[in-house]
């Protein structure tokens, strides 16, 4: 199940602008919130995600067709996503 979760996490980083912004702003909180939604990530996967350069995800997102992107319609969506459901 963890493999599927890492695929979902990376997919969200690439296609969801708000999620990506939340991760860049506070990677640990974004990972914690993702796990709190019932997704499973191994300690190795979490360490690898946290070790990735934040601008990497933006560069990857810039390379995919915009029709596959979820636009960020709220300027503070990153903050909202990280701090929701506490």
PDB file of N, CA and C in Angstrom:
ATOM      1  N   UNK A   1       0.815  -1.200   0.000  1.00  0.00           N
ATOM      2  CA  UNK A   1       0.000   0.000   0.000  1.00  0.00           C
ATOM      3  C   UNK A   1       0.855   1.259   0.000  1.00  0.00           C
ATOM      4  N   UNK A   2       2.028   1.198   0.601  1.00  0.00           N
ATOM      5  CA  UNK A   2       2.880   2.385   0.654  1.00  0.00           C
ATOM      6  C   UNK A   2       3.294   2.827  -0.744  1.00  0.00           C
ATOM      7  N   UNK A   3       3.528   1.895  -1.657  1.00  0.00           N
ATOM      8  CA  UNK A   3       3.911   2.277  -3.020  1.00  0.00           C
ATOM      9  C   UNK A   3       2.815   3.126  -3.656  1.00  0.00           C
ATOM     10  N   UNK A   4       1.583   2.736  -3.486  1.00  0.00           N
ATOM     11  CA  UNK A   4       0.466   3.504  -4.036  1.00  0.00           C
ATOM     12  C   UNK A   4       0.416   4.885  -3.384  1.00  0.00           C
ATOM     13  N   UNK A   5       0.674   4.954  -2.114  1.00  0.00           N
ATOM     14  CA  UNK A   5       0.647   6.240  -1.411  1.00  0.00           C
ATOM     15  C   UNK A   5       1.727   7.180  -1.920  1.00  0.00           C
ATOM     16  N   UNK A   6       2.915   6.674  -2.174  1.00  0.00           N
ATOM     17  CA  UNK A   6       3.970   7.552  -2.681  1.00  0.00           C
ATOM     18  C   UNK A   6       3.630   8.027  -4.088  1.00  0.00           C
ATOM     19  N   UNK A   7       2.983   7.168  -4.869  1.00  0.00           N
ATOM     20  CA  UNK A   7       2.541   7.577  -6.205  1.00  0.00           C
ATOM     21  C   UNK A   7       1.498   8.692  -6.107  1.00  0.00           C
ATOM     22  N   UNK A   8       0.581   8.559  -5.177  1.00  0.00           N
ATOM     23  CA  UNK A   8      -0.439   9.594  -4.972  1.00  0.00           C
ATOM     24  C   UNK A   8       0.222  10.884  -4.511  1.00  0.00           C
ATOM     25  N   UNK A   9       1.145  10.781  -3.564  1.00  0.00           N
ATOM     26  CA  UNK A   9       1.817  11.971  -3.035  1.00  0.00           C
ATOM     27  C   UNK A   9       2.558  12.705  -4.142  1.00  0.00           C
ATOM     28  N   UNK A  10       3.347  11.984  -4.919  1.00  0.00           N
ATOM     29  CA  UNK A  10       4.113  12.610  -5.997  1.00  0.00           C
ATOM     30  C   UNK A  10       3.179  13.166  -7.065  1.00  0.00           C
ATOM     31  N   UNK A  11       2.132  12.439  -7.371  1.00  0.00           N
ATOM     32  CA  UNK A  11       1.151  12.944  -8.328  1.00  0.00           C
ATOM     33  C   UNK A  11       0.542  14.252  -7.873  1.00  0.00           C
ATOM     34  N   UNK A  12       0.233  14.334  -6.600  1.00  0.00           N
ATOM     35  CA  UNK A  12      -0.331  15.580  -6.060  1.00  0.00           C
ATOM     36  C   UNK A  12       0.692  16.711  -6.107  1.00  0.00           C
ATOM     37  N   UNK A  13       1.947  16.390  -5.789  1.00  0.00           N
ATOM     38  CA  UNK A  13       2.984  17.428  -5.853  1.00  0.00           C
ATOM     39  C   UNK A  13       3.092  18.009  -7.257  1.00  0.00           C
ATOM     40  N   UNK A  14       2.927  17.173  -8.246  1.00  0.00           N
ATOM     41  CA  UNK A  14       3.098  17.605  -9.625  1.00  0.00           C
ATOM     42  C   UNK A  14       1.856  18.287 -10.186  1.00  0.00           C
ATOM     43  N   UNK A  15       0.674  17.852  -9.768  1.00  0.00           N
ATOM     44  CA  UNK A  15      -0.546  18.361 -10.398  1.00  0.00           C
ATOM     45  C   UNK A  15      -1.373  19.314  -9.542  1.00  0.00           C
ATOM     46  N   UNK A  16      -1.092  19.402  -8.258  1.00  0.00           N
ATOM     47  CA  UNK A  16      -1.913  20.218  -7.358  1.00  0.00           C
ATOM     48  C   UNK A  16      -1.071  21.375  -6.813  1.00  0.00           C
ATOM     49  N   UNK A  17      -1.305  22.539  -7.367  1.00  0.00           N
ATOM     50  CA  UNK A  17      -0.512  23.717  -7.015  1.00  0.00           C
ATOM     51  C   UNK A  17      -0.572  24.047  -5.525  1.00  0.00           C
ATOM     52  N   UNK A  18      -1.746  23.942  -4.932  1.00  0.00           N
ATOM     53  CA  UNK A  18      -1.895  24.231  -3.510  1.00  0.00           C
ATOM     54  C   UNK A  18      -1.137  23.244  -2.636  1.00  0.00           C
ATOM     55  N   UNK A  19      -1.221  21.971  -2.990  1.00  0.00           N
ATOM     56  CA  UNK A  19      -0.500  20.938  -2.250  1.00  0.00           C
ATOM     57  C   UNK A  19       1.007  21.149  -2.381  1.00  0.00           C
ATOM     58  N   UNK A  20       1.444  21.461  -3.596  1.00  0.00           N
ATOM     59  CA  UNK A  20       2.866  21.710  -3.840  1.00  0.00           C
ATOM     60  C   UNK A  20       3.338  22.917  -3.026  1.00  0.00           C
ATOM     61  N   UNK A  21       2.550  23.974  -2.994  1.00  0.00           N
ATOM     62  CA  UNK A  21       2.906  25.161  -2.214  1.00  0.00           C
ATOM     63  C   UNK A  21       2.980  24.832  -0.728  1.00  0.00           C
ATOM     64  N   UNK A  22       2.044  24.007  -0.252  1.00  0.00           N
ATOM     65  CA  UNK A  22       2.064  23.595   1.157  1.00  0.00           C
ATOM     66  C   UNK A  22       3.328  22.807   1.460  1.00  0.00           C
ATOM     67  N   UNK A  23       3.723  21.930   0.547  1.00  0.00           N
ATOM     68  CA  UNK A  23       4.919  21.122   0.742  1.00  0.00           C
ATOM     69  C   UNK A  23       6.166  22.001   0.744  1.00  0.00           C
ATOM     70  N   UNK A  24       6.238  22.947  -0.177  1.00  0.00           N
ATOM     71  CA  UNK A  24       7.406  23.836  -0.241  1.00  0.00           C
ATOM     72  C   UNK A  24       7.472  24.710   1.013  1.00  0.00           C
ATOM     73  N   UNK A  25       6.334  25.172   1.489  1.00  0.00           N
ATOM     74  CA  UNK A  25       6.280  26.033   2.666  1.00  0.00           C
ATOM     75  C   UNK A  25       6.679  25.289   3.933  1.00  0.00           C
ATOM     76  N   UNK A  26       6.143  24.083   4.095  1.00  0.00           N
ATOM     77  CA  UNK A  26       6.415  23.297   5.299  1.00  0.00           C
ATOM     78  C   UNK A  26       6.317  21.810   4.952  1.00  0.00           C
ATOM     79  N   UNK A  27       7.399  21.228   4.419  1.00  0.00           N
ATOM     80  CA  UNK A  27       7.358  19.838   3.969  1.00  0.00           C
ATOM     81  C   UNK A  27       6.920  18.859   5.055  1.00  0.00           C
ATOM     82  N   UNK A  28       7.410  19.024   6.248  1.00  0.00           N
ATOM     83  CA  UNK A  28       7.069  18.096   7.329  1.00  0.00           C
ATOM     84  C   UNK A  28       5.582  18.137   7.631  1.00  0.00           C
ATOM     85  N   UNK A  29       5.010  19.322   7.706  1.00  0.00           N
ATOM     86  CA  UNK A  29       3.577  19.448   7.983  1.00  0.00           C
ATOM     87  C   UNK A  29       2.745  18.870   6.842  1.00  0.00           C
ATOM     88  N   UNK A  30       3.166  19.073   5.609  1.00  0.00           N
ATOM     89  CA  UNK A  30       2.427  18.543   4.459  1.00  0.00           C
ATOM     90  C   UNK A  30       2.444  17.016   4.469  1.00  0.00           C
ATOM     91  N   UNK A  31       3.588  16.433   4.772  1.00  0.00           N
ATOM     92  CA  UNK A  31       3.691  14.970   4.852  1.00  0.00           C
ATOM     93  C   UNK A  31       2.825  14.458   5.997  1.00  0.00           C
ATOM     94  N   UNK A  32       2.893  15.107   7.132  1.00  0.00           N
ATOM     95  CA  UNK A  32       2.101  14.690   8.296  1.00  0.00           C
ATOM     96  C   UNK A  32       0.613  14.737   7.965  1.00  0.00           C
ATOM     97  N   UNK A  33       0.186  15.808   7.332  1.00  0.00           N
ATOM     98  CA  UNK A  33      -1.240  15.970   6.974  1.00  0.00           C
ATOM     99  C   UNK A  33      -1.659  14.878   5.992  1.00  0.00           C
ATOM    100  N   UNK A  34      -0.808  14.554   5.032  1.00  0.00           N
ATOM    101  CA  UNK A  34      -1.079  13.497   4.064  1.00  0.00           C
ATOM    102  C   UNK A  34      -1.256  12.160   4.780  1.00  0.00           C
ATOM    103  N   UNK A  35      -0.364  11.859   5.693  1.00  0.00           N
ATOM    104  CA  UNK A  35      -0.446  10.607   6.457  1.00  0.00           C
ATOM    105  C   UNK A  35      -1.696  10.610   7.343  1.00  0.00           C
ATOM    106  N   UNK A  36      -2.048  11.761   7.886  1.00  0.00           N
ATOM    107  CA  UNK A  36      -3.242  11.873   8.725  1.00  0.00           C
ATOM    108  C   UNK A  36      -4.531  11.575   7.951  1.00  0.00           C
ATOM    109  N   UNK A  37      -4.488  11.667   6.622  1.00  0.00           N
ATOM    110  CA  UNK A  37      -5.675  11.362   5.816  1.00  0.00           C
ATOM    111  C   UNK A  37      -5.812   9.868   5.565  1.00  0.00           C
ATOM    112  N   UNK A  38      -4.902   9.068   6.149  1.00  0.00           N
ATOM    113  CA  UNK A  38      -4.991   7.629   6.018  1.00  0.00           C
ATOM    114  C   UNK A  38      -4.011   7.017   5.035  1.00  0.00           C
ATOM    115  N   UNK A  39      -3.194   7.839   4.412  1.00  0.00           N
ATOM    116  CA  UNK A  39      -2.188   7.338   3.484  1.00  0.00           C
ATOM    117  C   UNK A  39      -0.995   6.803   4.277  1.00  0.00           C
ATOM    118  N   UNK A  40      -0.340   5.798   3.726  1.00  0.00           N
ATOM    119  CA  UNK A  40       0.830   5.225   4.387  1.00  0.00           C
ATOM    120  C   UNK A  40       2.092   5.583   3.622  1.00  0.00           C
ATOM    121  N   UNK A  41       3.065   6.092   4.336  1.00  0.00           N
ATOM    122  CA  UNK A  41       4.399   6.335   3.783  1.00  0.00           C
ATOM    123  C   UNK A  41       5.405   5.717   4.732  1.00  0.00           C
ATOM    124  N   UNK A  42       6.400   5.055   4.171  1.00  0.00           N
ATOM    125  CA  UNK A  42       7.437   4.463   5.005  1.00  0.00           C
ATOM    126  C   UNK A  42       8.391   5.547   5.474  1.00  0.00           C
ATOM    127  N   UNK A  43       9.134   5.301   6.540  1.00  0.00           N
ATOM    128  CA  UNK A  43      10.140   6.274   6.979  1.00  0.00           C
ATOM    129  C   UNK A  43      11.154   6.594   5.871  1.00  0.00           C
ATOM    130  N   UNK A  44      11.508   5.615   5.068  1.00  0.00           N
ATOM    131  CA  UNK A  44      12.448   5.845   3.962  1.00  0.00           C
ATOM    132  C   UNK A  44      11.826   6.779   2.922  1.00  0.00           C
ATOM    133  N   UNK A  45      10.557   6.575   2.590  1.00  0.00           N
ATOM    134  CA  UNK A  45       9.868   7.450   1.628  1.00  0.00           C
ATOM    135  C   UNK A  45       9.766   8.869   2.165  1.00  0.00           C
ATOM    136  N   UNK A  46       9.426   8.994   3.430  1.00  0.00           N
ATOM    137  CA  UNK A  46       9.315  10.327   4.035  1.00  0.00           C
ATOM    138  C   UNK A  46      10.658  11.025   4.004  1.00  0.00           C
ATOM    139  N   UNK A  47      11.723  10.331   4.379  1.00  0.00           N
ATOM    140  CA  UNK A  47      13.061  10.932   4.358  1.00  0.00           C
ATOM    141  C   UNK A  47      13.445  11.361   2.949  1.00  0.00           C
ATOM    142  N   UNK A  48      13.126  10.533   1.958  1.00  0.00           N
ATOM    143  CA  UNK A  48      13.455  10.874   0.578  1.00  0.00           C
ATOM    144  C   UNK A  48      12.674  12.094   0.108  1.00  0.00           C
ATOM    145  N   UNK A  49      11.399  12.171   0.454  1.00  0.00           N
ATOM    146  CA  UNK A  49      10.595  13.339   0.072  1.00  0.00           C
ATOM    147  C   UNK A  49      11.144  14.610   0.715  1.00  0.00           C
ATOM    148  N   UNK A  50      11.466  14.524   1.996  1.00  0.00           N
ATOM    149  CA  UNK A  50      11.965  15.702   2.706  1.00  0.00           C
ATOM    150  C   UNK A  50      13.352  16.122   2.233  1.00  0.00           C
ATOM    151  N   UNK A  51      14.103  15.199   1.656  1.00  0.00           N
ATOM    152  CA  UNK A  51      15.447  15.513   1.167  1.00  0.00           C
ATOM    153  C   UNK A  51      15.445  16.090  -0.246  1.00  0.00           C
ATOM    154  N   UNK A  52      14.308  16.021  -0.924  1.00  0.00           N
ATOM    155  CA  UNK A  52      14.220  16.517  -2.298  1.00  0.00           C
ATOM    156  C   UNK A  52      14.217  18.044  -2.301  1.00  0.00           C
ATOM    157  N   UNK A  53      14.969  18.620  -3.216  1.00  0.00           N
ATOM    158  CA  UNK A  53      14.986  20.076  -3.357  1.00  0.00           C
ATOM    159  C   UNK A  53      13.590  20.566  -3.726  1.00  0.00           C
ATOM    160  N   UNK A  54      13.020  21.512  -2.989  1.00  0.00           N
ATOM    161  CA  UNK A  54      11.647  21.965  -3.235  1.00  0.00           C
ATOM    162  C   UNK A  54      11.410  22.470  -4.664  1.00  0.00           C
ATOM    163  N   UNK A  55      12.388  23.123  -5.253  1.00  0.00           N
ATOM    164  CA  UNK A  55      12.174  23.648  -6.599  1.00  0.00           C
ATOM    165  C   UNK A  55      12.083  22.535  -7.647  1.00  0.00           C
ATOM    166  N   UNK A  56      12.504  21.327  -7.302  1.00  0.00           N
ATOM    167  CA  UNK A  56      12.390  20.194  -8.211  1.00  0.00           C
ATOM    168  C   UNK A  56      10.931  19.969  -8.614  1.00  0.00           C
ATOM    169  N   UNK A  57      10.030  20.002  -7.636  1.00  0.00           N
ATOM    170  CA  UNK A  57       8.622  19.734  -7.910  1.00  0.00           C
ATOM    171  C   UNK A  57       8.018  20.807  -8.801  1.00  0.00           C
ATOM    172  N   UNK A  58       8.438  22.041  -8.618  1.00  0.00           N
ATOM    173  CA  UNK A  58       7.950  23.125  -9.475  1.00  0.00           C
ATOM    174  C   UNK A  58       8.449  22.941 -10.908  1.00  0.00           C
ATOM    175  N   UNK A  59       9.705  22.542 -11.050  1.00  0.00           N
ATOM    176  CA  UNK A  59      10.267  22.305 -12.394  1.00  0.00           C
ATOM    177  C   UNK A  59       9.533  21.166 -13.097  1.00  0.00           C
ATOM    178  N   UNK A  60       9.245  20.103 -12.369  1.00  0.00           N
ATOM    179  CA  UNK A  60       8.514  18.976 -12.966  1.00  0.00           C
ATOM    180  C   UNK A  60       7.101  19.426 -13.347  1.00  0.00           C
ATOM    181  N   UNK A  61       6.436  20.136 -12.461  1.00  0.00           N
ATOM    182  CA  UNK A  61       5.075  20.607 -12.731  1.00  0.00           C
ATOM    183  C   UNK A  61       5.034  21.511 -13.954  1.00  0.00           C
ATOM    184  N   UNK A  62       6.074  22.308 -14.131  1.00  0.00           N
ATOM    185  CA  UNK A  62       6.125  23.213 -15.284  1.00  0.00           C
ATOM    186  C   UNK A  62       6.229  22.466 -16.609  1.00  0.00           C
ATOM    187  N   UNK A  63       6.644  21.219 -16.566  1.00  0.00           N
ATOM    188  CA  UNK A  63       6.859  20.445 -17.789  1.00  0.00           C
ATOM    189  C   UNK A  63       5.645  19.643 -18.241  1.00  0.00           C
ATOM    190  N   UNK A  64       4.616  19.545 -17.411  1.00  0.00           N
ATOM    191  CA  UNK A  64       3.454  18.782 -17.839  1.00  0.00           C
ATOM    192  C   UNK A  64       2.385  19.708 -18.395  1.00  0.00           C
ATOM    193  N   UNK A  65       1.524  19.160 -19.181  1.00  0.00           N
ATOM    194  CA  UNK A  65       0.457  19.919 -19.818  1.00  0.00           C
ATOM    195  C   UNK A  65      -0.395  20.611 -18.748  1.00  0.00           C
ATOM    196  N   UNK A  66      -0.640  21.907 -18.899  1.00  0.00           N
ATOM    197  CA  UNK A  66      -1.433  22.645 -17.902  1.00  0.00           C
ATOM    198  C   UNK A  66      -2.829  22.066 -17.679  1.00  0.00           C
ATOM    199  N   UNK A  67      -3.344  21.347 -18.645  1.00  0.00           N
ATOM    200  CA  UNK A  67      -4.674  20.760 -18.471  1.00  0.00           C
ATOM    201  C   UNK A  67      -4.677  19.664 -17.417  1.00  0.00           C
ATOM    202  N   UNK A  68      -3.489  19.210 -17.022  1.00  0.00           N
ATOM    203  CA  UNK A  68      -3.385  18.195 -15.977  1.00  0.00           C
ATOM    204  C   UNK A  68      -3.159  18.812 -14.605  1.00  0.00           C
ATOM    205  N   UNK A  69      -3.068  20.122 -14.550  1.00  0.00           N
ATOM    206  CA  UNK A  69      -2.811  20.838 -13.308  1.00  0.00           C
ATOM    207  C   UNK A  69      -4.118  21.239 -12.627  1.00  0.00           C
ATOM    208  N   UNK A  70      -4.093  21.200 -11.320  1.00  0.00           N
ATOM    209  CA  UNK A  70      -5.180  21.748 -10.516  1.00  0.00           C
ATOM    210  C   UNK A  70      -4.733  23.145 -10.124  1.00  0.00           C
ATOM    211  N   UNK A  71      -5.427  24.144 -10.621  1.00  0.00           N
ATOM    212  CA  UNK A  71      -5.033  25.533 -10.363  1.00  0.00           C
ATOM    213  C   UNK A  71      -5.298  25.910  -8.921  1.00  0.00           C
ATOM    214  N   UNK A  72      -4.441  26.758  -8.389  1.00  0.00           N
ATOM    215  CA  UNK A  72      -4.606  27.292  -7.046  1.00  0.00           C
ATOM    216  C   UNK A  72      -5.424  28.568  -7.150  1.00  0.00           C
ATOM    217  N   UNK A  73      -6.670  28.518  -6.744  1.00  0.00           N
ATOM    218  CA  UNK A  73      -7.550  29.676  -6.841  1.00  0.00           C
ATOM    219  C   UNK A  73      -7.531  30.535  -5.588  1.00  0.00           C
ATOM    220  N   UNK A  74      -6.910  30.021  -4.537  1.00  0.00           N
ATOM    221  CA  UNK A  74      -6.799  30.764  -3.285  1.00  0.00           C
ATOM    222  C   UNK A  74      -5.345  31.113  -3.049  1.00  0.00           C
ATOM    223  N   UNK A  75      -5.057  32.368  -2.786  1.00  0.00           N
ATOM    224  CA  UNK A  75      -3.664  32.772  -2.599  1.00  0.00           C
ATOM    225  C   UNK A  75      -3.036  32.148  -1.359  1.00  0.00           C
ATOM    226  N   UNK A  76      -3.839  31.813  -0.364  1.00  0.00           N
ATOM    227  CA  UNK A  76      -3.291  31.234   0.860  1.00  0.00           C
ATOM    228  C   UNK A  76      -3.644  29.755   0.995  1.00  0.00           C
ATOM    229  N   UNK A  77      -3.860  29.073  -0.126  1.00  0.00           N
ATOM    230  CA  UNK A  77      -4.259  27.669  -0.074  1.00  0.00           C
ATOM    231  C   UNK A  77      -3.213  26.803   0.600  1.00  0.00           C
ATOM    232  N   UNK A  78      -1.928  27.103   0.418  1.00  0.00           N
ATOM    233  CA  UNK A  78      -0.887  26.304   1.063  1.00  0.00           C
ATOM    234  C   UNK A  78      -1.062  26.348   2.570  1.00  0.00           C
ATOM    235  N   UNK A  79      -1.277  27.531   3.111  1.00  0.00           N
ATOM    236  CA  UNK A  79      -1.458  27.672   4.540  1.00  0.00           C
ATOM    237  C   UNK A  79      -2.728  26.966   4.993  1.00  0.00           C
ATOM    238  N   UNK A  80      -3.795  27.098   4.216  1.00  0.00           N
ATOM    239  CA  UNK A  80      -5.056  26.453   4.542  1.00  0.00           C
ATOM    240  C   UNK A  80      -4.904  24.942   4.548  1.00  0.00           C
ATOM    241  N   UNK A  81      -4.214  24.396   3.550  1.00  0.00           N
ATOM    242  CA  UNK A  81      -4.070  22.951   3.440  1.00  0.00           C
ATOM    243  C   UNK A  81      -3.254  22.405   4.608  1.00  0.00           C
ATOM    244  N   UNK A  82      -2.175  23.073   4.935  1.00  0.00           N
ATOM    245  CA  UNK A  82      -1.307  22.570   6.008  1.00  0.00           C
ATOM    246  C   UNK A  82      -2.008  22.664   7.350  1.00  0.00           C
ATOM    247  N   UNK A  83      -2.809  23.697   7.580  1.00  0.00           N
ATOM    248  CA  UNK A  83      -3.397  23.918   8.893  1.00  0.00           C
ATOM    249  C   UNK A  83      -4.823  23.406   9.034  1.00  0.00           C
ATOM    250  N   UNK A  84      -5.406  22.830   8.001  1.00  0.00           N
ATOM    251  CA  UNK A  84      -6.795  22.370   8.104  1.00  0.00           C
ATOM    252  C   UNK A  84      -6.891  21.108   8.961  1.00  0.00           C
ATOM    253  N   UNK A  85      -8.039  20.942   9.525  1.00  0.00           N
ATOM    254  CA  UNK A  85      -8.410  19.772  10.322  1.00  0.00           C
ATOM    255  C   UNK A  85      -7.420  19.453  11.435  1.00  0.00           C
ATOM    256  N   UNK A  86      -7.052  20.435  12.195  1.00  0.00           N
ATOM    257  CA  UNK A  86      -6.163  20.200  13.346  1.00  0.00           C
ATOM    258  C   UNK A  86      -6.949  19.758  14.517  1.00  0.00           C
TER     259      UNK A  86
END
